Amino acid sequence: MSQFKKVLITMPDYLLDEIDALAKRENKSRSEMVREVMKVYIKEKQNNYLAQKLATGYQEMAEINLELAQLCFGADSEANQHYEEKLAECE
C-alpha cells in the first residue's frame, strides 16, 4: 500500500475554489482531488515528452532514409544504364 506524505502548498484562491468545486461534484476529498489532478498532469507531461522524442526520432530517421534512398537511387540508375547498354548490344 502507498504511503502518504503531508505537503504544504500555496495556490491562488480561485484555483482552490475550482479544486473544491470539482471535489464536491465528484464526491472526493480535497486531497484526493489534488492527487488525481496531479496524476493526470504528470501523465500528460510524460505523454507530451514521449511524443516530442518520437517526433524528433522520426525526423532524424527521415533524414537518414532520404540519404539512403538517394544513395541507392544513384546505384540503381547506374545498374539500369548498364543493363540497357547490354540490351542494346544484343539488338
C-alpha atoms as a PDB file:
ATOM      1  CA  MET A   1       0.000   0.000   0.000  1.00  0.00           C
ATOM      2  CA  SER A   2       1.215   3.519  -0.811  1.00  0.00           C
ATOM      3  CA  GLN A   3       2.429   5.673   1.985  1.00  0.00           C
ATOM      4  CA  PHE A   4       1.316   9.266   2.046  1.00  0.00           C
ATOM      5  CA  LYS A   5       3.346  12.308   2.994  1.00  0.00           C
ATOM      6  CA  LYS A   6       1.876  15.612   4.009  1.00  0.00           C
ATOM      7  CA  VAL A   7       2.950  18.607   1.957  1.00  0.00           C
ATOM      8  CA  LEU A   8       2.181  22.265   2.256  1.00  0.00           C
ATOM      9  CA  ILE A   9       1.457  24.110  -0.966  1.00  0.00           C
ATOM     10  CA  THR A  10       0.215  27.559  -1.750  1.00  0.00           C
ATOM     11  CA  MET A  11      -2.207  28.398  -4.538  1.00  0.00           C
ATOM     12  CA  PRO A  12      -4.462  31.256  -5.528  1.00  0.00           C
ATOM     13  CA  ASP A  13      -7.965  31.324  -4.051  1.00  0.00           C
ATOM     14  CA  TYR A  14      -9.619  30.813  -7.435  1.00  0.00           C
ATOM     15  CA  LEU A  15      -7.642  27.608  -8.020  1.00  0.00           C
ATOM     16  CA  LEU A  16      -8.504  26.242  -4.590  1.00  0.00           C
ATOM     17  CA  ASP A  17     -12.153  27.094  -5.252  1.00  0.00           C
ATOM     18  CA  GLU A  18     -12.029  25.155  -8.514  1.00  0.00           C
ATOM     19  CA  ILE A  19     -10.406  22.149  -6.814  1.00  0.00           C
ATOM     20  CA  ASP A  20     -13.014  22.225  -4.053  1.00  0.00           C
ATOM     21  CA  ALA A  21     -15.908  22.509  -6.522  1.00  0.00           C
ATOM     22  CA  LEU A  22     -14.561  19.628  -8.585  1.00  0.00           C
ATOM     23  CA  ALA A  23     -14.016  17.507  -5.463  1.00  0.00           C
ATOM     24  CA  LYS A  24     -17.568  18.194  -4.338  1.00  0.00           C
ATOM     25  CA  ARG A  25     -19.010  17.244  -7.748  1.00  0.00           C
ATOM     26  CA  GLU A  26     -17.045  14.007  -7.743  1.00  0.00           C
ATOM     27  CA  ASN A  27     -17.692  13.317  -4.058  1.00  0.00           C
ATOM     28  CA  LYS A  28     -13.979  13.274  -3.204  1.00  0.00           C
ATOM     29  CA  SER A  29     -11.873  14.942  -0.584  1.00  0.00           C
ATOM     30  CA  ARG A  30      -9.697  17.880  -1.486  1.00  0.00           C
ATOM     31  CA  SER A  31      -6.602  15.711  -1.027  1.00  0.00           C
ATOM     32  CA  GLU A  32      -7.986  13.002  -3.327  1.00  0.00           C
ATOM     33  CA  MET A  33      -8.828  15.587  -5.940  1.00  0.00           C
ATOM     34  CA  VAL A  34      -5.391  17.228  -5.809  1.00  0.00           C
ATOM     35  CA  ARG A  35      -3.702  13.806  -6.081  1.00  0.00           C
ATOM     36  CA  GLU A  36      -5.879  12.891  -9.060  1.00  0.00           C
ATOM     37  CA  VAL A  37      -5.251  16.205 -10.804  1.00  0.00           C
ATOM     38  CA  MET A  38      -1.513  15.845 -10.216  1.00  0.00           C
ATOM     39  CA  LYS A  39      -1.517  12.294 -11.619  1.00  0.00           C
ATOM     40  CA  VAL A  40      -3.340  13.433 -14.756  1.00  0.00           C
ATOM     41  CA  TYR A  41      -0.979  16.376 -15.191  1.00  0.00           C
ATOM     42  CA  ILE A  42       2.112  14.210 -14.744  1.00  0.00           C
ATOM     43  CA  LYS A  43       0.791  11.606 -17.186  1.00  0.00           C
ATOM     44  CA  GLU A  44       0.047  14.333 -19.747  1.00  0.00           C
ATOM     45  CA  LYS A  45       3.559  15.782 -19.350  1.00  0.00           C
ATOM     46  CA  GLN A  46       5.091  12.314 -19.779  1.00  0.00           C
ATOM     47  CA  ASN A  47       2.996  11.694 -22.902  1.00  0.00           C
ATOM     48  CA  ASN A  48       3.983  15.072 -24.352  1.00  0.00           C
ATOM     49  CA  TYR A  49       7.647  14.345 -23.652  1.00  0.00           C
ATOM     50  CA  LEU A  50       7.373  10.942 -25.320  1.00  0.00           C
ATOM     51  CA  ALA A  51       5.543  12.417 -28.320  1.00  0.00           C
ATOM     52  CA  GLN A  52       8.299  15.019 -28.710  1.00  0.00           C
ATOM     53  CA  LYS A  53      11.013  12.359 -28.502  1.00  0.00           C
ATOM     54  CA  LEU A  54       9.175  10.245 -31.094  1.00  0.00           C
ATOM     55  CA  ALA A  55       8.756  13.219 -33.423  1.00  0.00           C
ATOM     56  CA  THR A  56      12.467  14.008 -33.127  1.00  0.00           C
ATOM     57  CA  GLY A  57      13.349  10.372 -33.780  1.00  0.00           C
ATOM     58  CA  TYR A  58      11.049  10.174 -36.796  1.00  0.00           C
ATOM     59  CA  GLN A  59      12.582  13.363 -38.208  1.00  0.00           C
ATOM     60  CA  GLU A  60      16.102  12.033 -37.728  1.00  0.00           C
ATOM     61  CA  MET A  61      15.164   8.723 -39.360  1.00  0.00           C
ATOM     62  CA  ALA A  62      13.507  10.553 -42.260  1.00  0.00           C
ATOM     63  CA  GLU A  63      16.761  12.359 -42.969  1.00  0.00           C
ATOM     64  CA  ILE A  64      18.743   9.102 -42.788  1.00  0.00           C
ATOM     65  CA  ASN A  65      16.209   7.329 -45.018  1.00  0.00           C
ATOM     66  CA  LEU A  66      16.370  10.142 -47.564  1.00  0.00           C
ATOM     67  CA  GLU A  67      20.157   9.900 -47.711  1.00  0.00           C
ATOM     68  CA  LEU A  68      19.969   6.123 -48.172  1.00  0.00           C
ATOM     69  CA  ALA A  69      17.295   6.442 -50.857  1.00  0.00           C
ATOM     70  CA  GLN A  70      19.369   8.989 -52.764  1.00  0.00           C
ATOM     71  CA  LEU A  71      22.446   6.784 -52.497  1.00  0.00           C
ATOM     72  CA  CYS A  72      20.559   3.713 -53.687  1.00  0.00           C
ATOM     73  CA  PHE A  73      18.842   5.655 -56.472  1.00  0.00           C
ATOM     74  CA  GLY A  74      22.233   6.523 -57.903  1.00  0.00           C
ATOM     75  CA  ALA A  75      23.353   2.892 -57.729  1.00  0.00           C
ATOM     76  CA  ASP A  76      20.079   1.713 -59.284  1.00  0.00           C
ATOM     77  CA  SER A  77      20.430   4.262 -62.083  1.00  0.00           C
ATOM     78  CA  GLU A  78      23.936   3.048 -62.846  1.00  0.00           C
ATOM     79  CA  ALA A  79      22.786  -0.585 -62.847  1.00  0.00           C
ATOM     80  CA  ASN A  80      19.838   0.292 -65.097  1.00  0.00           C
ATOM     81  CA  GLN A  81      22.129   2.157 -67.506  1.00  0.00           C
ATOM     82  CA  HIS A  82      24.476  -0.841 -67.657  1.00  0.00           C
ATOM     83  CA  TYR A  83      21.529  -3.195 -68.249  1.00  0.00           C
ATOM     84  CA  GLU A  84      20.183  -1.037 -71.085  1.00  0.00           C
ATOM     85  CA  GLU A  85      23.634  -0.898 -72.693  1.00  0.00           C
ATOM     86  CA  LYS A  86      23.852  -4.697 -72.611  1.00  0.00           C
ATOM     87  CA  LEU A  87      20.360  -4.966 -74.125  1.00  0.00           C
ATOM     88  CA  ALA A  88      21.339  -2.546 -76.901  1.00  0.00           C
ATOM     89  CA  GLU A  89      24.375  -4.699 -77.710  1.00  0.00           C
ATOM     90  CA  CYS A  90      22.086  -7.705 -78.228  1.00  0.00           C
ATOM     91  CA  GLU A  91      19.974  -5.965 -80.869  1.00  0.00           C
END
